[in-house]
Amino acid sequence: MWHKLSLSALLALVPLVSAEAQPPRREVPPIPRQERDLRERDGREVWRYFANGGGAFQRVRGREWAEYRNNGDPIWYREVGRTPEYVELYDSGRRLGVRIYTDKSYQNNGYEGWTPVYDGRWE
């Protein structure tokens, strides 16, 4: 009897253990002070491209960005990095990173590294 009871008690705990074994969701870290200062000094908020019908990456508010495409619905991104050379965005739904430089944007899907996507410019 105790053997059956302890086996059923262990089996009841299995779903609880497996739920806790899931890796935690990656949260975007807060913006470091030096990066926040850089954002306040530069005016990089809209980057326009003309390929594939054209569109623009535009900062909406805070670290939220949208890619407004002339031939489709907007795609939403979160700013995860900013340097003097580029602004880095991330789409968590597609697990896709985008780096926007002065004249070119690159994307990284995690498998192929940073590959060029569009030619464009900051406005």
PDB file of N, CA and C in Angstrom:
ATOM      1  N   MET A   1       0.802  -1.186   0.000  1.00  0.00           N
ATOM      2  CA  MET A   1       0.000   0.000   0.000  1.00  0.00           C
ATOM      3  C   MET A   1       0.855   1.265   0.000  1.00  0.00           C
ATOM      4  N   TRP A   2       1.877   1.316   0.853  1.00  0.00           N
ATOM      5  CA  TRP A   2       2.735   2.509   0.888  1.00  0.00           C
ATOM      6  C   TRP A   2       3.474   2.655  -0.420  1.00  0.00           C
ATOM      7  N   HIS A   3       3.801   1.568  -1.034  1.00  0.00           N
ATOM      8  CA  HIS A   3       4.511   1.614  -2.312  1.00  0.00           C
ATOM      9  C   HIS A   3       3.653   2.303  -3.376  1.00  0.00           C
ATOM     10  N   LYS A   4       2.363   1.933  -3.452  1.00  0.00           N
ATOM     11  CA  LYS A   4       1.455   2.546  -4.425  1.00  0.00           C
ATOM     12  C   LYS A   4       1.211   4.010  -4.088  1.00  0.00           C
ATOM     13  N   LEU A   5       1.097   4.341  -2.837  1.00  0.00           N
ATOM     14  CA  LEU A   5       0.842   5.705  -2.412  1.00  0.00           C
ATOM     15  C   LEU A   5       2.032   6.604  -2.730  1.00  0.00           C
ATOM     16  N   SER A   6       3.245   6.163  -2.453  1.00  0.00           N
ATOM     17  CA  SER A   6       4.410   7.001  -2.721  1.00  0.00           C
ATOM     18  C   SER A   6       4.651   7.139  -4.220  1.00  0.00           C
ATOM     19  N   LEU A   7       4.347   6.122  -5.016  1.00  0.00           N
ATOM     20  CA  LEU A   7       4.493   6.233  -6.458  1.00  0.00           C
ATOM     21  C   LEU A   7       3.503   7.249  -7.018  1.00  0.00           C
ATOM     22  N   SER A   8       2.260   7.224  -6.550  1.00  0.00           N
ATOM     23  CA  SER A   8       1.264   8.185  -7.042  1.00  0.00           C
ATOM     24  C   SER A   8       1.610   9.602  -6.585  1.00  0.00           C
ATOM     25  N   ALA A   9       2.174   9.750  -5.384  1.00  0.00           N
ATOM     26  CA  ALA A   9       2.581  11.077  -4.911  1.00  0.00           C
ATOM     27  C   ALA A   9       3.714  11.620  -5.775  1.00  0.00           C
ATOM     28  N   LEU A  10       4.675  10.788  -6.153  1.00  0.00           N
ATOM     29  CA  LEU A  10       5.768  11.215  -7.027  1.00  0.00           C
ATOM     30  C   LEU A  10       5.258  11.598  -8.409  1.00  0.00           C
ATOM     31  N   LEU A  11       4.348  10.812  -8.941  1.00  0.00           N
ATOM     32  CA  LEU A  11       3.794  11.129 -10.256  1.00  0.00           C
ATOM     33  C   LEU A  11       3.000  12.434 -10.239  1.00  0.00           C
ATOM     34  N   ALA A  12       2.377  12.755  -9.130  1.00  0.00           N
ATOM     35  CA  ALA A  12       1.631  14.010  -9.020  1.00  0.00           C
ATOM     36  C   ALA A  12       2.573  15.211  -9.027  1.00  0.00           C
ATOM     37  N   LEU A  13       3.811  15.033  -8.568  1.00  0.00           N
ATOM     38  CA  LEU A  13       4.775  16.126  -8.527  1.00  0.00           C
ATOM     39  C   LEU A  13       5.480  16.357  -9.865  1.00  0.00           C
ATOM     40  N   VAL A  14       5.443  15.404 -10.776  1.00  0.00           N
ATOM     41  CA  VAL A  14       6.153  15.524 -12.050  1.00  0.00           C
ATOM     42  C   VAL A  14       5.740  16.769 -12.838  1.00  0.00           C
ATOM     43  N   PRO A  15       4.430  17.071 -12.996  1.00  0.00           N
ATOM     44  CA  PRO A  15       4.081  18.292 -13.740  1.00  0.00           C
ATOM     45  C   PRO A  15       4.610  19.557 -13.079  1.00  0.00           C
ATOM     46  N   LEU A  16       4.673  19.588 -11.755  1.00  0.00           N
ATOM     47  CA  LEU A  16       5.191  20.765 -11.069  1.00  0.00           C
ATOM     48  C   LEU A  16       6.674  20.941 -11.327  1.00  0.00           C
ATOM     49  N   VAL A  17       7.411  19.868 -11.327  1.00  0.00           N
ATOM     50  CA  VAL A  17       8.851  19.938 -11.558  1.00  0.00           C
ATOM     51  C   VAL A  17       9.141  20.356 -12.989  1.00  0.00           C
ATOM     52  N   SER A  18       8.422  19.790 -13.965  1.00  0.00           N
ATOM     53  CA  SER A  18       8.695  20.125 -15.360  1.00  0.00           C
ATOM     54  C   SER A  18       8.312  21.569 -15.662  1.00  0.00           C
ATOM     55  N   ALA A  19       7.301  22.109 -14.991  1.00  0.00           N
ATOM     56  CA  ALA A  19       6.932  23.506 -15.210  1.00  0.00           C
ATOM     57  C   ALA A  19       8.027  24.432 -14.696  1.00  0.00           C
ATOM     58  N   GLU A  20       8.646  24.065 -13.596  1.00  0.00           N
ATOM     59  CA  GLU A  20       9.728  24.884 -13.056  1.00  0.00           C
ATOM     60  C   GLU A  20      11.006  24.725 -13.855  1.00  0.00           C
ATOM     61  N   ALA A  21      11.141  23.655 -14.614  1.00  0.00           N
ATOM     62  CA  ALA A  21      12.366  23.410 -15.368  1.00  0.00           C
ATOM     63  C   ALA A  21      12.435  24.249 -16.643  1.00  0.00           C
ATOM     64  N   GLN A  22      11.334  24.915 -17.029  1.00  0.00           N
ATOM     65  CA  GLN A  22      11.338  25.750 -18.214  1.00  0.00           C
ATOM     66  C   GLN A  22      12.304  26.915 -18.012  1.00  0.00           C
ATOM     67  N   PRO A  23      13.068  27.278 -19.048  1.00  0.00           N
ATOM     68  CA  PRO A  23      13.978  28.414 -18.890  1.00  0.00           C
ATOM     69  C   PRO A  23      13.173  29.702 -18.725  1.00  0.00           C
ATOM     70  N   PRO A  24      13.667  30.625 -17.926  1.00  0.00           N
ATOM     71  CA  PRO A  24      12.924  31.878 -17.730  1.00  0.00           C
ATOM     72  C   PRO A  24      12.893  32.688 -19.023  1.00  0.00           C
ATOM     73  N   ARG A  25      11.843  33.471 -19.196  1.00  0.00           N
ATOM     74  CA  ARG A  25      11.726  34.326 -20.371  1.00  0.00           C
ATOM     75  C   ARG A  25      12.763  35.409 -20.312  1.00  0.00           C
ATOM     76  N   ARG A  26      13.404  35.672 -21.436  1.00  0.00           N
ATOM     77  CA  ARG A  26      14.452  36.693 -21.478  1.00  0.00           C
ATOM     78  C   ARG A  26      13.822  38.080 -21.429  1.00  0.00           C
ATOM     79  N   GLU A  27      14.161  38.814 -20.402  1.00  0.00           N
ATOM     80  CA  GLU A  27      13.676  40.178 -20.262  1.00  0.00           C
ATOM     81  C   GLU A  27      14.729  41.130 -20.821  1.00  0.00           C
ATOM     82  N   VAL A  28      14.272  42.180 -21.443  1.00  0.00           N
ATOM     83  CA  VAL A  28      15.190  43.179 -21.969  1.00  0.00           C
ATOM     84  C   VAL A  28      15.749  43.969 -20.797  1.00  0.00           C
ATOM     85  N   PRO A  29      17.077  44.077 -20.703  1.00  0.00           N
ATOM     86  CA  PRO A  29      17.665  44.779 -19.566  1.00  0.00           C
ATOM     87  C   PRO A  29      17.371  46.278 -19.631  1.00  0.00           C
ATOM     88  N   PRO A  30      17.437  46.961 -18.499  1.00  0.00           N
ATOM     89  CA  PRO A  30      17.224  48.407 -18.521  1.00  0.00           C
ATOM     90  C   PRO A  30      18.316  49.098 -19.325  1.00  0.00           C
ATOM     91  N   ILE A  31      18.026  50.286 -19.789  1.00  0.00           N
ATOM     92  CA  ILE A  31      18.985  51.033 -20.603  1.00  0.00           C
ATOM     93  C   ILE A  31      20.072  51.594 -19.692  1.00  0.00           C
ATOM     94  N   PRO A  32      21.348  51.251 -19.967  1.00  0.00           N
ATOM     95  CA  PRO A  32      22.430  51.825 -19.161  1.00  0.00           C
ATOM     96  C   PRO A  32      22.476  53.347 -19.319  1.00  0.00           C
ATOM     97  N   ARG A  33      22.986  54.030 -18.302  1.00  0.00           N
ATOM     98  CA  ARG A  33      23.001  55.487 -18.305  1.00  0.00           C
ATOM     99  C   ARG A  33      23.723  56.054 -19.519  1.00  0.00           C
ATOM    100  N   GLN A  34      24.894  55.496 -19.889  1.00  0.00           N
ATOM    101  CA  GLN A  34      25.638  56.040 -21.020  1.00  0.00           C
ATOM    102  C   GLN A  34      24.858  55.892 -22.325  1.00  0.00           C
ATOM    103  N   GLU A  35      24.095  54.808 -22.460  1.00  0.00           N
ATOM    104  CA  GLU A  35      23.279  54.617 -23.651  1.00  0.00           C
ATOM    105  C   GLU A  35      22.098  55.583 -23.641  1.00  0.00           C
ATOM    106  N   ARG A  36      21.521  55.810 -22.483  1.00  0.00           N
ATOM    107  CA  ARG A  36      20.413  56.756 -22.355  1.00  0.00           C
ATOM    108  C   ARG A  36      20.882  58.160 -22.717  1.00  0.00           C
ATOM    109  N   ASP A  37      22.082  58.527 -22.261  1.00  0.00           N
ATOM    110  CA  ASP A  37      22.638  59.838 -22.605  1.00  0.00           C
ATOM    111  C   ASP A  37      22.870  59.964 -24.101  1.00  0.00           C
ATOM    112  N   LEU A  38      23.368  58.882 -24.735  1.00  0.00           N
ATOM    113  CA  LEU A  38      23.604  58.890 -26.181  1.00  0.00           C
ATOM    114  C   LEU A  38      22.282  59.072 -26.924  1.00  0.00           C
ATOM    115  N   ARG A  39      21.227  58.413 -26.482  1.00  0.00           N
ATOM    116  CA  ARG A  39      19.923  58.537 -27.131  1.00  0.00           C
ATOM    117  C   ARG A  39      19.435  59.979 -27.069  1.00  0.00           C
ATOM    118  N   GLU A  40      19.645  60.648 -25.937  1.00  0.00           N
ATOM    119  CA  GLU A  40      19.182  62.023 -25.795  1.00  0.00           C
ATOM    120  C   GLU A  40      19.958  62.971 -26.695  1.00  0.00           C
ATOM    121  N   ARG A  41      21.208  62.645 -27.021  1.00  0.00           N
ATOM    122  CA  ARG A  41      22.036  63.526 -27.853  1.00  0.00           C
ATOM    123  C   ARG A  41      21.822  63.311 -29.338  1.00  0.00           C
ATOM    124  N   ASP A  42      21.483  62.093 -29.767  1.00  0.00           N
ATOM    125  CA  ASP A  42      21.331  61.883 -31.213  1.00  0.00           C
ATOM    126  C   ASP A  42      19.860  61.917 -31.612  1.00  0.00           C
ATOM    127  N   GLY A  43      19.618  62.158 -32.885  1.00  0.00           N
ATOM    128  CA  GLY A  43      18.255  62.299 -33.357  1.00  0.00           C
ATOM    129  C   GLY A  43      17.806  61.140 -34.222  1.00  0.00           C
ATOM    130  N   ARG A  44      18.385  59.957 -34.020  1.00  0.00           N
ATOM    131  CA  ARG A  44      18.037  58.806 -34.867  1.00  0.00           C
ATOM    132  C   ARG A  44      16.705  58.223 -34.419  1.00  0.00           C
ATOM    133  N   GLU A  45      15.651  58.631 -35.123  1.00  0.00           N
ATOM    134  CA  GLU A  45      14.318  58.145 -34.782  1.00  0.00           C
ATOM    135  C   GLU A  45      13.554  57.604 -35.978  1.00  0.00           C
ATOM    136  N   VAL A  46      13.955  57.968 -37.206  1.00  0.00           N
ATOM    137  CA  VAL A  46      13.290  57.463 -38.408  1.00  0.00           C
ATOM    138  C   VAL A  46      14.366  57.093 -39.422  1.00  0.00           C
ATOM    139  N   TRP A  47      14.320  55.851 -39.905  1.00  0.00           N
ATOM    140  CA  TRP A  47      15.259  55.370 -40.929  1.00  0.00           C
ATOM    141  C   TRP A  47      14.428  54.839 -42.084  1.00  0.00           C
ATOM    142  N   ARG A  48      14.600  55.428 -43.271  1.00  0.00           N
ATOM    143  CA  ARG A  48      13.762  55.108 -44.422  1.00  0.00           C
ATOM    144  C   ARG A  48      14.530  54.265 -45.440  1.00  0.00           C
ATOM    145  N   TYR A  49      13.824  53.282 -46.035  1.00  0.00           N
ATOM    146  CA  TYR A  49      14.375  52.467 -47.119  1.00  0.00           C
ATOM    147  C   TYR A  49      13.371  52.435 -48.266  1.00  0.00           C
ATOM    148  N   PHE A  50      13.836  52.048 -49.468  1.00  0.00           N
ATOM    149  CA  PHE A  50      12.991  52.115 -50.657  1.00  0.00           C
ATOM    150  C   PHE A  50      12.808  50.768 -51.355  1.00  0.00           C
ATOM    151  N   ALA A  51      13.522  49.754 -50.961  1.00  0.00           N
ATOM    152  CA  ALA A  51      13.393  48.420 -51.575  1.00  0.00           C
ATOM    153  C   ALA A  51      12.075  47.773 -51.151  1.00  0.00           C
ATOM    154  N   ASN A  52      11.605  46.808 -51.936  1.00  0.00           N
ATOM    155  CA  ASN A  52      10.385  46.040 -51.635  1.00  0.00           C
ATOM    156  C   ASN A  52       9.171  46.930 -51.360  1.00  0.00           C
ATOM    157  N   GLY A  53       9.020  47.971 -52.116  1.00  0.00           N
ATOM    158  CA  GLY A  53       7.880  48.865 -51.929  1.00  0.00           C
ATOM    159  C   GLY A  53       8.137  49.985 -50.941  1.00  0.00           C
ATOM    160  N   GLY A  54       9.239  49.940 -50.234  1.00  0.00           N
ATOM    161  CA  GLY A  54       9.622  51.011 -49.323  1.00  0.00           C
ATOM    162  C   GLY A  54       8.998  50.881 -47.950  1.00  0.00           C
ATOM    163  N   GLY A  55       9.548  51.654 -47.035  1.00  0.00           N
ATOM    164  CA  GLY A  55       9.051  51.660 -45.671  1.00  0.00           C
ATOM    165  C   GLY A  55      10.011  52.415 -44.776  1.00  0.00           C
ATOM    166  N   ALA A  56       9.765  52.340 -43.477  1.00  0.00           N
ATOM    167  CA  ALA A  56      10.610  53.056 -42.519  1.00  0.00           C
ATOM    168  C   ALA A  56      10.565  52.356 -41.169  1.00  0.00           C
ATOM    169  N   PHE A  57      11.697  52.398 -40.482  1.00  0.00           N
ATOM    170  CA  PHE A  57      11.774  52.025 -39.074  1.00  0.00           C
ATOM    171  C   PHE A  57      11.613  53.329 -38.307  1.00  0.00           C
ATOM    172  N   GLN A  58      10.662  53.368 -37.399  1.00  0.00           N
ATOM    173  CA  GLN A  58      10.396  54.608 -36.675  1.00  0.00           C
ATOM    174  C   GLN A  58      10.223  54.321 -35.196  1.00  0.00           C
ATOM    175  N   ARG A  59      10.896  55.143 -34.373  1.00  0.00           N
ATOM    176  CA  ARG A  59      10.728  55.019 -32.925  1.00  0.00           C
ATOM    177  C   ARG A  59       9.352  55.559 -32.567  1.00  0.00           C
ATOM    178  N   VAL A  60       8.572  54.765 -31.850  1.00  0.00           N
ATOM    179  CA  VAL A  60       7.215  55.152 -31.475  1.00  0.00           C
ATOM    180  C   VAL A  60       7.246  55.887 -30.141  1.00  0.00           C
ATOM    181  N   ARG A  61       7.832  55.238 -29.125  1.00  0.00           N
ATOM    182  CA  ARG A  61       8.022  55.854 -27.813  1.00  0.00           C
ATOM    183  C   ARG A  61       8.955  54.966 -27.005  1.00  0.00           C
ATOM    184  N   GLY A  62       9.722  55.585 -26.145  1.00  0.00           N
ATOM    185  CA  GLY A  62      10.655  54.819 -25.326  1.00  0.00           C
ATOM    186  C   GLY A  62      11.537  53.936 -26.181  1.00  0.00           C
ATOM    187  N   ARG A  63      11.520  52.636 -25.890  1.00  0.00           N
ATOM    188  CA  ARG A  63      12.312  51.682 -26.680  1.00  0.00           C
ATOM    189  C   ARG A  63      11.457  50.925 -27.682  1.00  0.00           C
ATOM    190  N   GLU A  64      10.243  51.378 -27.917  1.00  0.00           N
ATOM    191  CA  GLU A  64       9.355  50.706 -28.861  1.00  0.00           C
ATOM    192  C   GLU A  64       9.521  51.321 -30.255  1.00  0.00           C
ATOM    193  N   TRP A  65       9.741  50.450 -31.246  1.00  0.00           N
ATOM    194  CA  TRP A  65       9.896  50.854 -32.638  1.00  0.00           C
ATOM    195  C   TRP A  65       8.901  50.083 -33.491  1.00  0.00           C
ATOM    196  N   ALA A  66       8.595  50.646 -34.658  1.00  0.00           N
ATOM    197  CA  ALA A  66       7.739  49.956 -35.623  1.00  0.00           C
ATOM    198  C   ALA A  66       8.373  50.075 -36.994  1.00  0.00           C
ATOM    199  N   GLU A  67       8.277  49.001 -37.770  1.00  0.00           N
ATOM    200  CA  GLU A  67       8.670  49.049 -39.172  1.00  0.00           C
ATOM    201  C   GLU A  67       7.376  49.228 -39.955  1.00  0.00           C
ATOM    202  N   TYR A  68       7.183  50.429 -40.477  1.00  0.00           N
ATOM    203  CA  TYR A  68       6.003  50.726 -41.283  1.00  0.00           C
ATOM    204  C   TYR A  68       6.353  50.430 -42.731  1.00  0.00           C
ATOM    205  N   ARG A  69       5.685  49.431 -43.290  1.00  0.00           N
ATOM    206  CA  ARG A  69       5.942  49.015 -44.666  1.00  0.00           C
ATOM    207  C   ARG A  69       4.833  49.550 -45.559  1.00  0.00           C
ATOM    208  N   ASN A  70       5.189  49.996 -46.760  1.00  0.00           N
ATOM    209  CA  ASN A  70       4.197  50.533 -47.689  1.00  0.00           C
ATOM    210  C   ASN A  70       3.289  49.442 -48.247  1.00  0.00           C
ATOM    211  N   ASN A  71       3.690  48.179 -48.129  1.00  0.00           N
ATOM    212  CA  ASN A  71       2.871  47.082 -48.671  1.00  0.00           C
ATOM    213  C   ASN A  71       2.541  46.021 -47.626  1.00  0.00           C
ATOM    214  N   GLY A  72       2.318  46.436 -46.377  1.00  0.00           N
ATOM    215  CA  GLY A  72       1.970  45.455 -45.345  1.00  0.00           C
ATOM    216  C   GLY A  72       1.730  46.111 -44.002  1.00  0.00           C
ATOM    217  N   ASP A  73       1.339  45.293 -43.043  1.00  0.00           N
ATOM    218  CA  ASP A  73       1.103  45.780 -41.684  1.00  0.00           C
ATOM    219  C   ASP A  73       2.427  46.098 -41.000  1.00  0.00           C
ATOM    220  N   PRO A  74       2.396  46.964 -39.985  1.00  0.00           N
ATOM    221  CA  PRO A  74       3.640  47.272 -39.260  1.00  0.00           C
ATOM    222  C   PRO A  74       4.164  46.056 -38.499  1.00  0.00           C
ATOM    223  N   ILE A  75       5.468  46.052 -38.310  1.00  0.00           N
ATOM    224  CA  ILE A  75       6.144  45.026 -37.506  1.00  0.00           C
ATOM    225  C   ILE A  75       6.733  45.748 -36.299  1.00  0.00           C
ATOM    226  N   TRP A  76       6.541  45.200 -35.106  1.00  0.00           N
ATOM    227  CA  TRP A  76       6.947  45.866 -33.870  1.00  0.00           C
ATOM    228  C   TRP A  76       8.268  45.321 -33.360  1.00  0.00           C
ATOM    229  N   TYR A  77       9.118  46.222 -32.882  1.00  0.00           N
ATOM    230  CA  TYR A  77      10.443  45.898 -32.368  1.00  0.00           C
ATOM    231  C   TYR A  77      10.649  46.598 -31.027  1.00  0.00           C
ATOM    232  N   ARG A  78      11.658  46.135 -30.324  1.00  0.00           N
ATOM    233  CA  ARG A  78      12.109  46.770 -29.086  1.00  0.00           C
ATOM    234  C   ARG A  78      13.574  47.112 -29.252  1.00  0.00           C
ATOM    235  N   GLU A  79      13.953  48.329 -28.924  1.00  0.00           N
ATOM    236  CA  GLU A  79      15.355  48.734 -29.013  1.00  0.00           C
ATOM    237  C   GLU A  79      16.132  48.057 -27.896  1.00  0.00           C
ATOM    238  N   VAL A  80      17.203  47.352 -28.277  1.00  0.00           N
ATOM    239  CA  VAL A  80      18.008  46.636 -27.288  1.00  0.00           C
ATOM    240  C   VAL A  80      19.434  47.146 -27.213  1.00  0.00           C
ATOM    241  N   GLY A  81      19.813  48.038 -28.112  1.00  0.00           N
ATOM    242  CA  GLY A  81      21.165  48.579 -28.084  1.00  0.00           C
ATOM    243  C   GLY A  81      21.276  49.810 -28.958  1.00  0.00           C
ATOM    244  N   ARG A  82      22.202  50.690 -28.581  1.00  0.00           N
ATOM    245  CA  ARG A  82      22.437  51.903 -29.354  1.00  0.00           C
ATOM    246  C   ARG A  82      23.892  52.289 -29.169  1.00  0.00           C
ATOM    247  N   THR A  83      24.594  52.437 -30.272  1.00  0.00           N
ATOM    248  CA  THR A  83      25.982  52.885 -30.269  1.00  0.00           C
ATOM    249  C   THR A  83      26.076  54.061 -31.241  1.00  0.00           C
ATOM    250  N   PRO A  84      27.226  54.726 -31.311  1.00  0.00           N
ATOM    251  CA  PRO A  84      27.376  55.782 -32.327  1.00  0.00           C
ATOM    252  C   PRO A  84      27.256  55.236 -33.755  1.00  0.00           C
ATOM    253  N   GLU A  85      27.518  53.939 -33.967  1.00  0.00           N
ATOM    254  CA  GLU A  85      27.478  53.351 -35.301  1.00  0.00           C
ATOM    255  C   GLU A  85      26.101  52.846 -35.709  1.00  0.00           C
ATOM    256  N   TYR A  86      25.311  52.289 -34.775  1.00  0.00           N
ATOM    257  CA  TYR A  86      24.034  51.668 -35.143  1.00  0.00           C
ATOM    258  C   TYR A  86      23.028  51.712 -34.000  1.00  0.00           C
ATOM    259  N   VAL A  87      21.775  51.445 -34.366  1.00  0.00           N
ATOM    260  CA  VAL A  87      20.689  51.205 -33.405  1.00  0.00           C
ATOM    261  C   VAL A  87      20.274  49.761 -33.606  1.00  0.00           C
ATOM    262  N   GLU A  88      20.201  48.990 -32.516  1.00  0.00           N
ATOM    263  CA  GLU A  88      19.832  47.578 -32.614  1.00  0.00           C
ATOM    264  C   GLU A  88      18.428  47.355 -32.073  1.00  0.00           C
ATOM    265  N   LEU A  89      17.611  46.675 -32.893  1.00  0.00           N
ATOM    266  CA  LEU A  89      16.225  46.370 -32.544  1.00  0.00           C
ATOM    267  C   LEU A  89      16.050  44.862 -32.479  1.00  0.00           C
ATOM    268  N   TYR A  90      15.006  44.420 -31.770  1.00  0.00           N
ATOM    269  CA  TYR A  90      14.741  42.989 -31.656  1.00  0.00           C
ATOM    270  C   TYR A  90      13.243  42.726 -31.714  1.00  0.00           C
ATOM    271  N   ASP A  91      12.852  41.776 -32.563  1.00  0.00           N
ATOM    272  CA  ASP A  91      11.468  41.314 -32.666  1.00  0.00           C
ATOM    273  C   ASP A  91      11.404  39.960 -31.958  1.00  0.00           C
ATOM    274  N   SER A  92      10.848  39.925 -30.754  1.00  0.00           N
ATOM    275  CA  SER A  92      10.840  38.687 -29.971  1.00  0.00           C
ATOM    276  C   SER A  92       9.927  37.633 -30.579  1.00  0.00           C
ATOM    277  N   GLY A  93       8.874  38.026 -31.273  1.00  0.00           N
ATOM    278  CA  GLY A  93       7.976  37.061 -31.894  1.00  0.00           C
ATOM    279  C   GLY A  93       8.655  36.252 -32.983  1.00  0.00           C
ATOM    280  N   ARG A  94       9.501  36.889 -33.761  1.00  0.00           N
ATOM    281  CA  ARG A  94      10.228  36.198 -34.836  1.00  0.00           C
ATOM    282  C   ARG A  94      11.662  35.865 -34.434  1.00  0.00           C
ATOM    283  N   ARG A  95      12.045  36.284 -33.232  1.00  0.00           N
ATOM    284  CA  ARG A  95      13.428  36.090 -32.758  1.00  0.00           C
ATOM    285  C   ARG A  95      14.412  36.625 -33.785  1.00  0.00           C
ATOM    286  N   LEU A  96      14.192  37.877 -34.168  1.00  0.00           N
ATOM    287  CA  LEU A  96      14.959  38.500 -35.234  1.00  0.00           C
ATOM    288  C   LEU A  96      15.548  39.810 -34.743  1.00  0.00           C
ATOM    289  N   GLY A  97      16.857  39.939 -34.875  1.00  0.00           N
ATOM    290  CA  GLY A  97      17.534  41.179 -34.542  1.00  0.00           C
ATOM    291  C   GLY A  97      17.760  42.005 -35.798  1.00  0.00           C
ATOM    292  N   VAL A  98      17.719  43.321 -35.646  1.00  0.00           N
ATOM    293  CA  VAL A  98      17.969  44.248 -36.754  1.00  0.00           C
ATOM    294  C   VAL A  98      18.932  45.308 -36.256  1.00  0.00           C
ATOM    295  N   ARG A  99      19.967  45.574 -37.041  1.00  0.00           N
ATOM    296  CA  ARG A  99      20.878  46.679 -36.757  1.00  0.00           C
ATOM    297  C   ARG A  99      20.753  47.680 -37.887  1.00  0.00           C
ATOM    298  N   ILE A 100      20.533  48.936 -37.512  1.00  0.00           N
ATOM    299  CA  ILE A 100      20.362  49.993 -38.495  1.00  0.00           C
ATOM    300  C   ILE A 100      21.567  50.919 -38.411  1.00  0.00           C
ATOM    301  N   TYR A 101      22.351  50.921 -39.482  1.00  0.00           N
ATOM    302  CA  TYR A 101      23.515  51.795 -39.604  1.00  0.00           C
ATOM    303  C   TYR A 101      23.115  53.043 -40.388  1.00  0.00           C
ATOM    304  N   THR A 102      24.055  53.909 -40.680  1.00  0.00           N
ATOM    305  CA  THR A 102      23.782  55.146 -41.398  1.00  0.00           C
ATOM    306  C   THR A 102      23.151  54.899 -42.761  1.00  0.00           C
ATOM    307  N   ASP A 103      23.677  53.917 -43.521  1.00  0.00           N
ATOM    308  CA  ASP A 103      23.220  53.722 -44.899  1.00  0.00           C
ATOM    309  C   ASP A 103      22.715  52.307 -45.196  1.00  0.00           C
ATOM    310  N   LYS A 104      22.703  51.411 -44.223  1.00  0.00           N
ATOM    311  CA  LYS A 104      22.316  50.019 -44.475  1.00  0.00           C
ATOM    312  C   LYS A 104      21.754  49.395 -43.205  1.00  0.00           C
ATOM    313  N   SER A 105      20.805  48.460 -43.384  1.00  0.00           N
ATOM    314  CA  SER A 105      20.303  47.695 -42.243  1.00  0.00           C
ATOM    315  C   SER A 105      20.684  46.233 -42.431  1.00  0.00           C
ATOM    316  N   TYR A 106      20.874  45.551 -41.309  1.00  0.00           N
ATOM    317  CA  TYR A 106      21.249  44.143 -41.283  1.00  0.00           C
ATOM    318  C   TYR A 106      20.271  43.419 -40.374  1.00  0.00           C
ATOM    319  N   GLN A 107      20.064  42.134 -40.626  1.00  0.00           N
ATOM    320  CA  GLN A 107      19.239  41.331 -39.739  1.00  0.00           C
ATOM    321  C   GLN A 107      19.993  40.081 -39.329  1.00  0.00           C
ATOM    322  N   ASN A 108      19.616  39.551 -38.153  1.00  0.00           N
ATOM    323  CA  ASN A 108      20.237  38.347 -37.618  1.00  0.00           C
ATOM    324  C   ASN A 108      19.132  37.463 -37.067  1.00  0.00           C
ATOM    325  N   ASN A 109      18.944  36.295 -37.696  1.00  0.00           N
ATOM    326  CA  ASN A 109      17.908  35.373 -37.232  1.00  0.00           C
ATOM    327  C   ASN A 109      18.462  34.334 -36.269  1.00  0.00           C
ATOM    328  N   GLY A 110      19.729  34.473 -35.887  1.00  0.00           N
ATOM    329  CA  GLY A 110      20.328  33.544 -34.949  1.00  0.00           C
ATOM    330  C   GLY A 110      21.060  32.390 -35.608  1.00  0.00           C
ATOM    331  N   TYR A 111      20.903  32.224 -36.918  1.00  0.00           N
ATOM    332  CA  TYR A 111      21.526  31.103 -37.615  1.00  0.00           C
ATOM    333  C   TYR A 111      22.565  31.549 -38.638  1.00  0.00           C
ATOM    334  N   GLU A 112      22.320  32.664 -39.306  1.00  0.00           N
ATOM    335  CA  GLU A 112      23.174  33.085 -40.416  1.00  0.00           C
ATOM    336  C   GLU A 112      24.079  34.262 -40.079  1.00  0.00           C
ATOM    337  N   GLY A 113      23.996  34.803 -38.892  1.00  0.00           N
ATOM    338  CA  GLY A 113      24.763  35.990 -38.551  1.00  0.00           C
ATOM    339  C   GLY A 113      24.101  37.237 -39.127  1.00  0.00           C
ATOM    340  N   TRP A 114      24.808  38.345 -39.104  1.00  0.00           N
ATOM    341  CA  TRP A 114      24.267  39.616 -39.582  1.00  0.00           C
ATOM    342  C   TRP A 114      24.365  39.668 -41.100  1.00  0.00           C
ATOM    343  N   THR A 115      23.217  39.721 -41.764  1.00  0.00           N
ATOM    344  CA  THR A 115      23.173  39.775 -43.232  1.00  0.00           C
ATOM    345  C   THR A 115      22.502  41.074 -43.660  1.00  0.00           C
ATOM    346  N   PRO A 116      23.005  41.710 -44.747  1.00  0.00           N
ATOM    347  CA  PRO A 116      22.415  42.972 -45.192  1.00  0.00           C
ATOM    348  C   PRO A 116      20.999  42.785 -45.720  1.00  0.00           C
ATOM    349  N   VAL A 117      20.139  43.774 -45.456  1.00  0.00           N
ATOM    350  CA  VAL A 117      18.749  43.698 -45.887  1.00  0.00           C
ATOM    351  C   VAL A 117      18.398  44.881 -46.792  1.00  0.00           C
ATOM    352  N   TYR A 118      18.485  46.097 -46.274  1.00  0.00           N
ATOM    353  CA  TYR A 118      18.058  47.275 -47.018  1.00  0.00           C
ATOM    354  C   TYR A 118      19.152  48.345 -47.037  1.00  0.00           C
ATOM    355  N   ASP A 119      19.155  49.124 -48.112  1.00  0.00           N
ATOM    356  CA  ASP A 119      19.903  50.379 -48.151  1.00  0.00           C
ATOM    357  C   ASP A 119      18.922  51.466 -47.768  1.00  0.00           C
ATOM    358  N   GLY A 120      19.365  52.456 -47.013  1.00  0.00           N
ATOM    359  CA  GLY A 120      18.470  53.515 -46.591  1.00  0.00           C
ATOM    360  C   GLY A 120      19.235  54.636 -45.936  1.00  0.00           C
ATOM    361  N   ARG A 121      18.515  55.473 -45.185  1.00  0.00           N
ATOM    362  CA  ARG A 121      19.152  56.616 -44.525  1.00  0.00           C
ATOM    363  C   ARG A 121      18.307  57.101 -43.352  1.00  0.00           C
ATOM    364  N   TRP A 122      18.975  57.760 -42.393  1.00  0.00           N
ATOM    365  CA  TRP A 122      18.292  58.386 -41.277  1.00  0.00           C
ATOM    366  C   TRP A 122      17.683  59.695 -41.746  1.00  0.00           C
ATOM    367  N   GLU A 123      16.509  60.005 -41.248  1.00  0.00           N
ATOM    368  CA  GLU A 123      15.865  61.292 -41.579  1.00  0.00           C
ATOM    369  C   GLU A 123      15.735  62.135 -40.331  1.00  0.00           C
TER     370      GLU A 123
END
